[in-house]
């Protein structure tokens, strides 16, 4: 697990907190913590993984669709 660091400039704590929240969200830490909060049945785990894979495929397909039409 990599360390997440945010530098605070001019005592602007609000801006630093916004940046930290964005970095944590992009890292997927909130999602992992939410999943670990309660037990997930193996069938639900497989279903969730399948949904995530389909979502990644749709995103990749939409990116590839527009890549060659320039």
C-alpha atoms as a PDB file:
ATOM      1  CA  UNK A   1       0.000   0.000   0.000  1.00  0.00           C
ATOM      2  CA  UNK A   2       1.416   3.343  -0.998  1.00  0.00           C
ATOM      3  CA  UNK A   3       1.494   6.394   1.222  1.00  0.00           C
ATOM      4  CA  UNK A   4      -0.797   9.283   0.332  1.00  0.00           C
ATOM      5  CA  UNK A   5       0.665  12.688   1.091  1.00  0.00           C
ATOM      6  CA  UNK A   6      -0.713  16.182   0.739  1.00  0.00           C
ATOM      7  CA  UNK A   7       1.297  19.340   1.345  1.00  0.00           C
ATOM      8  CA  UNK A   8      -0.405  22.258   3.063  1.00  0.00           C
ATOM      9  CA  UNK A   9       0.507  25.665   1.653  1.00  0.00           C
ATOM     10  CA  UNK A  10      -0.212  28.967   3.442  1.00  0.00           C
ATOM     11  CA  UNK A  11      -2.162  27.156   6.208  1.00  0.00           C
ATOM     12  CA  UNK A  12      -4.951  26.447   3.690  1.00  0.00           C
ATOM     13  CA  UNK A  13      -6.270  23.341   5.444  1.00  0.00           C
ATOM     14  CA  UNK A  14      -9.610  23.255   3.594  1.00  0.00           C
ATOM     15  CA  UNK A  15      -7.902  22.996   0.216  1.00  0.00           C
ATOM     16  CA  UNK A  16      -5.533  20.320   1.525  1.00  0.00           C
ATOM     17  CA  UNK A  17      -8.494  18.297   2.847  1.00  0.00           C
ATOM     18  CA  UNK A  18     -10.254  18.503  -0.534  1.00  0.00           C
ATOM     19  CA  UNK A  19      -7.105  17.289  -2.284  1.00  0.00           C
ATOM     20  CA  UNK A  20      -6.676  14.458   0.251  1.00  0.00           C
ATOM     21  CA  UNK A  21     -10.275  13.297  -0.161  1.00  0.00           C
ATOM     22  CA  UNK A  22      -9.875  13.295  -3.947  1.00  0.00           C
ATOM     23  CA  UNK A  23      -6.645  11.279  -3.731  1.00  0.00           C
ATOM     24  CA  UNK A  24      -8.232   8.755  -1.365  1.00  0.00           C
ATOM     25  CA  UNK A  25     -11.259   8.427  -3.624  1.00  0.00           C
ATOM     26  CA  UNK A  26      -9.116   7.928  -6.735  1.00  0.00           C
ATOM     27  CA  UNK A  27      -7.025   5.330  -4.895  1.00  0.00           C
ATOM     28  CA  UNK A  28     -10.180   3.342  -4.079  1.00  0.00           C
ATOM     29  CA  UNK A  29      -9.604   3.324  -0.331  1.00  0.00           C
ATOM     30  CA  UNK A  30     -13.180   4.381   0.515  1.00  0.00           C
ATOM     31  CA  UNK A  31     -14.540   1.562  -1.632  1.00  0.00           C
ATOM     32  CA  UNK A  32     -12.264  -1.035  -0.006  1.00  0.00           C
ATOM     33  CA  UNK A  33     -13.203   0.135   3.485  1.00  0.00           C
ATOM     34  CA  UNK A  34     -16.907  -0.018   2.654  1.00  0.00           C
ATOM     35  CA  UNK A  35     -16.548  -3.571   1.331  1.00  0.00           C
ATOM     36  CA  UNK A  36     -14.613  -4.720   4.409  1.00  0.00           C
ATOM     37  CA  UNK A  37     -17.178  -3.243   6.798  1.00  0.00           C
ATOM     38  CA  UNK A  38     -19.466  -6.250   6.506  1.00  0.00           C
ATOM     39  CA  UNK A  39     -19.312  -9.843   5.315  1.00  0.00           C
ATOM     40  CA  UNK A  40     -19.878 -10.448   1.631  1.00  0.00           C
ATOM     41  CA  UNK A  41     -21.166 -13.841   0.570  1.00  0.00           C
ATOM     42  CA  UNK A  42     -19.062 -15.630  -2.060  1.00  0.00           C
ATOM     43  CA  UNK A  43     -21.942 -15.475  -4.549  1.00  0.00           C
ATOM     44  CA  UNK A  44     -22.263 -11.704  -4.015  1.00  0.00           C
ATOM     45  CA  UNK A  45     -18.497 -11.360  -4.387  1.00  0.00           C
ATOM     46  CA  UNK A  46     -18.551 -13.162  -7.752  1.00  0.00           C
ATOM     47  CA  UNK A  47     -21.539 -11.115  -8.934  1.00  0.00           C
ATOM     48  CA  UNK A  48     -19.853  -7.841  -7.949  1.00  0.00           C
ATOM     49  CA  UNK A  49     -16.606  -8.816  -9.663  1.00  0.00           C
ATOM     50  CA  UNK A  50     -18.549  -9.711 -12.834  1.00  0.00           C
ATOM     51  CA  UNK A  51     -20.355  -6.340 -12.787  1.00  0.00           C
ATOM     52  CA  UNK A  52     -17.060  -4.505 -12.341  1.00  0.00           C
ATOM     53  CA  UNK A  53     -15.494  -6.418 -15.240  1.00  0.00           C
ATOM     54  CA  UNK A  54     -18.448  -5.606 -17.517  1.00  0.00           C
ATOM     55  CA  UNK A  55     -18.202  -1.945 -16.543  1.00  0.00           C
ATOM     56  CA  UNK A  56     -14.484  -1.876 -17.384  1.00  0.00           C
ATOM     57  CA  UNK A  57     -15.202  -3.543 -20.738  1.00  0.00           C
ATOM     58  CA  UNK A  58     -17.908  -0.990 -21.586  1.00  0.00           C
ATOM     59  CA  UNK A  59     -15.601   1.888 -20.714  1.00  0.00           C
ATOM     60  CA  UNK A  60     -12.755   0.415 -22.799  1.00  0.00           C
ATOM     61  CA  UNK A  61     -15.092  -0.209 -25.729  1.00  0.00           C
ATOM     62  CA  UNK A  62     -16.400   3.347 -25.661  1.00  0.00           C
ATOM     63  CA  UNK A  63     -12.843   4.704 -25.569  1.00  0.00           C
ATOM     64  CA  UNK A  64     -11.796   2.517 -28.494  1.00  0.00           C
ATOM     65  CA  UNK A  65     -14.883   3.479 -30.487  1.00  0.00           C
ATOM     66  CA  UNK A  66     -13.972   7.149 -30.505  1.00  0.00           C
ATOM     67  CA  UNK A  67     -10.231   6.634 -30.821  1.00  0.00           C
ATOM     68  CA  UNK A  68     -10.257   5.715 -34.520  1.00  0.00           C
ATOM     69  CA  UNK A  69     -12.880   8.204 -35.769  1.00  0.00           C
ATOM     70  CA  UNK A  70     -10.603  11.248 -35.676  1.00  0.00           C
END
